[in-house]
Amino acid sequence: MTARGDTEREIRLILEREARAIKDIPVTGSYREVVELIHERVHGKGGKVIASGMGKAGHVANHIATTFSSTGTPALFLHPSEAQHGDLGVIRQNDLLLVLSNSGKTREILELVDLSNALHPGIPVVIITGNPDGPLARQSKHVLYTGGPEEVCPLGLTPTTSATTMAVMGDVLVVLMMKRIGFTPLDYARRHHGGYLGQKSRGKGHADQ
């Protein structure tokens, strides 16, 4: 087999492992419960989603927050370390936390949950994790399990497949929430003034009228 053929085969195997990890994400009633919780806190009480994570999980959390915001559910990303230096003040009483930790024992995230509860006792916490039995999962009844896939990283260390599953789970929550609130192309257009997506949404919105 040629070198090119070897590379293409390796790429295909990586894609298959990532796809299999997504298909193996457990589908439970927890998704419906989390969507209803977000709807209650954000759309019923005027709160927002506070998403957080460290490292690669933090980048995924930021992506989830911006996608929520652009589709009608106000959200923002809070860096767990910066939270300990004053940024915790962004959290308000009717908000909820959405925290990501593959290991389920990230120190900064555990501390963020404790600090948030000290500021607003009983604040709801939604957890996306690869360790449903870890100390983080014991902090809430709202736990979404990635399925704990093996990383495609050849070292088994770099957050690759775990980050992929977290991102997809975030997409699931976003899409379910869009349907829950009846989010329309016109709603989308109001939040996307510029760029290709803004132009496309405005055209679609008029076509659907």
Protein backbone atom coordinates (compact mmCIF):
# COMPACT_ATOMS: atom_id res chain seq x y z
CA MET A 1 0.00 0.00 0.00
CA THR A 2 1.26 3.46 -0.83
CA ALA A 3 2.06 6.08 1.81
CA ARG A 4 -0.95 8.04 0.60
CA GLY A 5 -3.13 4.98 1.00
CA ASP A 6 -1.84 4.43 4.54
CA THR A 7 -2.67 8.02 5.49
CA GLU A 8 -6.15 7.84 4.00
CA ARG A 9 -6.82 4.59 5.84
CA GLU A 10 -5.66 6.13 9.11
CA ILE A 11 -7.88 9.16 8.56
CA ARG A 12 -10.86 6.90 7.90
CA LEU A 13 -10.21 4.96 11.11
CA ILE A 14 -10.02 8.17 13.14
CA LEU A 15 -13.29 9.39 11.65
CA GLU A 16 -14.95 6.06 12.34
CA ARG A 17 -13.84 6.10 15.98
CA GLU A 18 -15.12 9.64 16.44
CA ALA A 19 -18.42 8.78 14.76
CA ARG A 20 -18.81 5.67 16.89
CA ALA A 21 -18.22 7.70 20.05
CA ILE A 22 -21.00 10.07 19.04
CA LYS A 23 -23.38 7.21 18.32
CA ASP A 24 -22.57 5.69 21.72
CA ILE A 25 -23.50 8.81 23.72
CA PRO A 26 -26.19 7.59 26.16
CA VAL A 27 -29.63 9.02 25.35
CA THR A 28 -31.61 9.48 28.55
CA GLY A 29 -34.49 11.49 29.95
CA SER A 30 -31.91 13.80 31.52
CA TYR A 31 -31.79 15.80 28.30
CA ARG A 32 -35.47 16.67 28.55
CA GLU A 33 -35.05 17.57 32.22
CA VAL A 34 -32.08 19.82 31.46
CA VAL A 35 -33.91 21.59 28.63
CA GLU A 36 -36.89 22.24 30.89
CA LEU A 37 -34.55 23.52 33.61
CA ILE A 38 -32.84 25.91 31.20
CA HIS A 39 -36.22 27.05 29.90
CA GLU A 40 -37.45 27.70 33.43
CA ARG A 41 -34.37 29.61 34.56
CA VAL A 42 -33.64 31.58 31.40
CA HIS A 43 -36.96 32.07 29.64
CA GLY A 44 -39.17 31.94 32.71
CA LYS A 45 -37.10 33.81 35.30
CA GLY A 46 -34.86 35.99 33.16
CA GLY A 47 -31.62 34.22 34.05
CA LYS A 48 -28.87 32.95 31.78
CA VAL A 49 -26.71 29.89 31.20
CA ILE A 50 -23.22 30.18 32.70
CA ALA A 51 -21.01 27.67 30.87
CA SER A 52 -17.58 26.75 32.18
CA GLY A 53 -14.73 24.31 31.75
CA MET A 54 -10.93 24.15 31.90
CA GLY A 55 -8.61 23.65 28.96
CA LYS A 56 -10.19 22.01 25.91
CA ALA A 57 -13.45 21.51 27.81
CA GLY A 58 -13.45 25.26 28.38
CA HIS A 59 -13.23 25.93 24.65
CA VAL A 60 -16.19 23.61 24.11
CA ALA A 61 -18.12 25.34 26.90
CA ASN A 62 -17.47 28.71 25.25
CA HIS A 63 -18.74 27.34 21.94
CA ILE A 64 -21.91 26.06 23.61
CA ALA A 65 -22.51 29.41 25.31
CA THR A 66 -22.14 31.44 22.12
CA THR A 67 -24.39 29.03 20.21
CA PHE A 68 -27.06 29.27 22.89
CA SER A 69 -26.90 33.07 22.79
CA SER A 70 -27.18 33.22 19.00
CA THR A 71 -30.28 31.00 19.09
CA GLY A 72 -32.34 32.85 21.65
CA THR A 73 -31.09 31.55 25.00
CA PRO A 74 -28.78 34.08 26.72
CA ALA A 75 -25.55 32.45 27.87
CA LEU A 76 -21.94 33.32 28.53
CA PHE A 77 -18.66 31.59 29.27
CA LEU A 78 -17.05 31.98 32.68
CA HIS A 79 -13.43 30.91 33.07
CA PRO A 80 -13.25 28.98 36.35
CA SER A 81 -9.91 30.49 37.35
CA GLU A 82 -10.97 34.06 36.57
CA ALA A 83 -14.12 33.40 38.59
CA GLN A 84 -11.93 33.20 41.69
CA HIS A 85 -10.61 36.70 40.99
CA GLY A 86 -13.90 38.57 40.80
CA ASP A 87 -15.60 37.30 37.66
CA LEU A 88 -17.85 35.14 39.85
CA GLY A 89 -19.90 38.30 40.26
CA VAL A 90 -21.39 37.79 36.79
CA ILE A 91 -23.56 34.99 38.23
CA ARG A 92 -27.00 36.09 39.37
CA GLN A 93 -29.71 34.38 41.36
CA ASN A 94 -31.79 32.99 38.48
CA ASP A 95 -28.86 31.70 36.42
CA LEU A 96 -27.75 28.12 36.12
CA LEU A 97 -24.33 26.56 35.67
CA LEU A 98 -23.42 24.29 32.77
CA VAL A 99 -20.02 22.80 33.59
CA LEU A 100 -17.87 20.47 31.51
CA SER A 101 -15.22 18.10 32.85
CA ASN A 102 -14.24 14.86 31.17
CA SER A 103 -12.49 13.53 34.28
CA GLY A 104 -15.30 14.67 36.55
CA LYS A 105 -12.76 15.86 39.09
CA THR A 106 -11.27 19.06 37.66
CA ARG A 107 -10.25 21.08 40.70
CA GLU A 108 -11.15 24.48 39.28
CA ILE A 109 -14.62 23.30 38.28
CA LEU A 110 -15.30 21.72 41.65
CA GLU A 111 -14.27 24.98 43.29
CA LEU A 112 -16.47 26.98 40.90
CA VAL A 113 -19.50 24.94 41.90
CA ASP A 114 -18.75 25.48 45.59
CA LEU A 115 -18.16 29.21 45.14
CA SER A 116 -21.34 29.61 43.09
CA ASN A 117 -23.36 27.87 45.77
CA ALA A 118 -21.84 30.11 48.41
CA LEU A 119 -22.87 33.16 46.39
CA HIS A 120 -26.31 31.85 45.39
CA PRO A 121 -27.27 28.82 47.51
CA GLY A 122 -29.02 26.14 45.53
CA ILE A 123 -28.07 27.41 42.09
CA PRO A 124 -28.80 24.58 39.61
CA VAL A 125 -25.79 22.83 38.11
CA VAL A 126 -25.83 20.84 34.86
CA ILE A 127 -22.80 18.61 34.33
CA ILE A 128 -21.40 17.14 31.11
CA THR A 129 -18.77 14.57 32.01
CA GLY A 130 -17.03 11.36 31.05
CA ASN A 131 -17.10 10.20 34.66
CA PRO A 132 -20.65 9.85 36.03
CA ASP A 133 -19.29 8.51 39.33
CA GLY A 134 -16.76 11.29 39.94
CA PRO A 135 -16.90 13.95 42.65
CA LEU A 136 -18.33 16.52 40.22
CA ALA A 137 -21.28 14.30 39.32
CA ARG A 138 -22.15 14.05 43.00
CA GLN A 139 -22.76 17.80 43.04
CA SER A 140 -25.94 17.60 40.96
CA LYS A 141 -28.77 15.36 39.79
CA HIS A 142 -28.48 16.87 36.30
CA VAL A 143 -25.65 14.81 34.81
CA LEU A 144 -25.18 14.17 31.08
CA TYR A 145 -22.71 11.34 30.41
CA THR A 146 -20.51 11.37 27.31
CA GLY A 147 -20.12 7.61 27.37
CA GLY A 148 -16.47 7.92 28.36
CA PRO A 149 -14.98 7.23 24.91
CA GLU A 150 -11.29 6.51 24.41
CA GLU A 151 -9.38 9.42 22.91
CA VAL A 152 -8.22 9.06 19.30
CA CYS A 153 -5.01 10.75 20.41
CA PRO A 154 -2.29 8.07 19.98
CA LEU A 155 -1.11 8.84 23.52
CA GLY A 156 -4.62 8.46 24.90
CA LEU A 157 -4.15 11.80 26.64
CA THR A 158 -5.12 14.77 24.46
CA PRO A 159 -8.83 15.69 24.75
CA THR A 160 -9.95 14.75 21.25
CA THR A 161 -12.88 12.34 21.21
CA SER A 162 -14.05 13.51 24.63
CA ALA A 163 -14.19 17.10 23.37
CA THR A 164 -16.06 15.96 20.27
CA THR A 165 -18.77 14.24 22.30
CA MET A 166 -19.15 17.24 24.60
CA ALA A 167 -19.56 19.57 21.62
CA VAL A 168 -22.20 17.31 20.08
CA MET A 169 -24.07 17.09 23.39
CA GLY A 170 -24.06 20.88 23.51
CA ASP A 171 -25.55 20.93 20.01
CA VAL A 172 -28.30 18.58 21.16
CA LEU A 173 -29.22 20.93 24.02
CA VAL A 174 -29.19 23.94 21.71
CA VAL A 175 -31.41 22.32 19.08
CA LEU A 176 -33.88 21.01 21.66
CA MET A 177 -34.07 24.48 23.22
CA MET A 178 -34.62 26.14 19.85
CA LYS A 179 -37.60 23.87 19.31
CA ARG A 180 -38.81 24.40 22.87
CA ILE A 181 -39.00 28.19 22.43
CA GLY A 182 -40.13 28.13 18.79
CA PHE A 183 -37.06 29.97 17.53
CA THR A 184 -37.66 31.25 13.97
CA PRO A 185 -35.51 32.52 11.08
CA LEU A 186 -36.66 36.06 11.92
CA ASP A 187 -35.51 35.56 15.50
CA TYR A 188 -32.18 34.40 14.14
CA ALA A 189 -31.91 37.39 11.81
CA ARG A 190 -32.41 39.82 14.70
CA ARG A 191 -29.29 38.40 16.32
CA HIS A 192 -27.19 38.19 13.15
CA HIS A 193 -27.06 41.59 11.50
CA GLY A 194 -23.98 40.99 9.38
CA GLY A 195 -22.32 38.21 7.46
CA TYR A 196 -23.55 35.38 5.31
CA LEU A 197 -25.71 33.79 8.02
CA GLY A 198 -27.43 37.09 8.78
CA GLN A 199 -28.23 37.63 5.13
CA LYS A 200 -29.40 34.05 4.68
CA SER A 201 -31.63 34.15 7.77
CA ARG A 202 -33.30 37.38 6.67
CA GLY A 203 -34.08 35.91 3.26
CA LYS A 204 -35.42 32.71 4.81
CA GLY A 205 -37.46 34.67 7.32
CA HIS A 206 -39.25 36.64 4.58
CA ALA A 207 -39.79 33.47 2.54
CA ASP A 208 -41.47 31.79 5.52
CA GLN A 209 -43.87 34.65 6.18
